[in-house]
Protein backbone atom coordinates (compact mmCIF):
# COMPACT_ATOMS: atom_id res chain seq x y z
CA MET A 1 -29.25 -28.29 0.23
CA ARG A 2 -26.22 -28.64 -2.00
CA PHE A 3 -27.05 -25.45 -3.92
CA LYS A 4 -27.20 -23.50 -0.67
CA LYS A 5 -23.69 -24.58 0.35
CA PHE A 6 -22.23 -24.08 -3.14
CA LEU A 7 -23.75 -20.65 -3.54
CA GLN A 8 -22.70 -19.55 -0.04
CA ASN A 9 -19.11 -20.69 -0.67
CA ILE A 10 -18.92 -18.94 -4.03
CA LEU A 11 -20.25 -15.69 -2.60
CA ASP A 12 -17.93 -15.91 0.43
CA LYS A 13 -14.78 -16.68 -1.54
CA GLN A 14 -14.98 -15.53 -5.15
CA PHE A 15 -17.25 -12.51 -4.76
CA LYS A 16 -16.23 -11.27 -1.30
CA LYS A 17 -14.19 -8.41 -2.79
CA ASP A 18 -17.17 -7.22 -4.86
CA LEU A 19 -19.51 -7.54 -1.90
CA THR A 20 -17.29 -5.42 0.35
CA GLU A 21 -16.77 -2.86 -2.40
CA TYR A 22 -20.50 -2.49 -3.01
CA PHE A 23 -21.82 -2.60 0.56
CA GLY A 24 -18.95 -1.87 2.96
CA LYS A 25 -15.89 -3.45 4.52
CA ASN A 26 -17.59 -5.85 6.93
CA SER A 27 -20.62 -6.73 4.81
CA TYR A 28 -21.56 -10.35 4.22
CA VAL A 29 -24.48 -12.44 3.01
CA LYS A 30 -26.25 -15.39 4.53
CA ILE A 31 -28.35 -17.73 2.44
CA SER A 32 -31.31 -19.02 4.41
CA ASN A 33 -32.71 -21.40 1.86
CA VAL A 34 -32.54 -22.51 -1.76
CA SER A 35 -35.63 -24.41 -2.83
CA PHE A 36 -37.09 -25.53 -6.14
CA VAL A 37 -40.49 -24.18 -7.17
CA ARG A 38 -42.02 -26.64 -9.62
CA SER A 39 -44.81 -24.35 -10.81
CA LYS A 40 -42.22 -21.76 -11.92
CA ASN A 41 -39.51 -24.30 -12.88
CA SER A 42 -37.09 -22.10 -10.92
CA HIS A 43 -35.00 -22.06 -7.78
CA LEU A 44 -36.05 -19.68 -5.02
CA ILE A 45 -33.12 -18.16 -3.13
CA ASN A 46 -33.73 -16.53 0.27
CA ILE A 47 -30.76 -14.33 1.15
CA THR A 48 -29.98 -11.68 3.76
CA LEU A 49 -27.35 -8.99 3.28
CA PHE A 50 -25.66 -7.73 6.45
CA VAL A 51 -24.07 -4.28 6.15
CA ASP A 52 -22.12 -1.94 8.38
CA GLU A 53 -22.36 1.14 6.12
CA PRO A 54 -26.10 1.84 5.72
CA GLU A 55 -25.51 4.76 3.33
CA LYS A 56 -24.29 2.30 0.67
CA ILE A 57 -27.61 0.42 0.75
CA GLU A 58 -29.37 3.25 -1.08
CA LEU A 59 -27.01 3.04 -4.06
CA LEU A 60 -26.77 -0.65 -4.93
CA TYR A 61 -29.45 -2.59 -3.08
CA PRO A 62 -31.12 -4.74 -4.41
CA ASP A 63 -29.68 -4.52 -7.94
CA GLY A 64 -26.02 -4.96 -6.95
CA LEU A 65 -26.83 -7.93 -4.74
CA GLU A 66 -28.94 -9.58 -7.44
CA MET A 67 -26.15 -9.10 -9.98
CA LEU A 68 -23.68 -10.86 -7.65
CA ILE A 69 -26.10 -13.73 -7.05
CA HIS A 70 -26.72 -14.19 -10.79
CA ARG A 71 -22.96 -14.25 -11.44
CA ALA A 72 -22.45 -16.80 -8.66
CA TRP A 73 -25.33 -18.92 -9.99
CA LYS A 74 -23.60 -19.09 -13.38
CA VAL A 75 -20.55 -20.54 -11.65
CA ILE A 76 -22.72 -23.33 -10.23
CA GLY A 77 -23.78 -24.20 -13.76
CA ASP A 78 -27.47 -24.93 -13.18
CA LYS A 79 -29.44 -23.67 -16.19
CA LYS A 80 -32.73 -23.19 -14.34
CA ASN A 81 -33.96 -19.69 -13.62
CA ILE A 82 -33.67 -18.21 -10.15
CA ILE A 83 -36.02 -16.08 -8.08
CA ILE A 84 -34.29 -13.96 -5.48
CA GLN A 85 -35.99 -13.00 -2.24
CA SER A 86 -33.62 -10.66 -0.43
CA SER A 87 -33.54 -8.57 2.70
CA PHE A 88 -30.90 -6.58 4.53
CA ASP A 89 -29.95 -5.95 8.12
CA LEU A 90 -27.40 -3.81 9.92
CA ILE A 91 -24.44 -5.39 11.63
CA PRO A 92 -24.56 -4.47 15.34
CA GLN A 93 -21.68 -2.22 16.36
């Protein structure tokens, strides 16, 4: 639970500028769950990207989102590997 809050705060505050640059002005992410998978010795991160400019999805999704998550994970300081399970959705207009 603590990783979910830490990661969400880091993405919302420190990487918000990068997120909006990559995926559009009103884009944001929501982390559903961060759980530990013992068989893989890794954390599984379930994340949804919400975008308002769908044309930007083709360019940087999922690689740009994964890069931001890996950078944010380094800020947390946990040395375990992460597995990212991501999806995206459009922000209703």
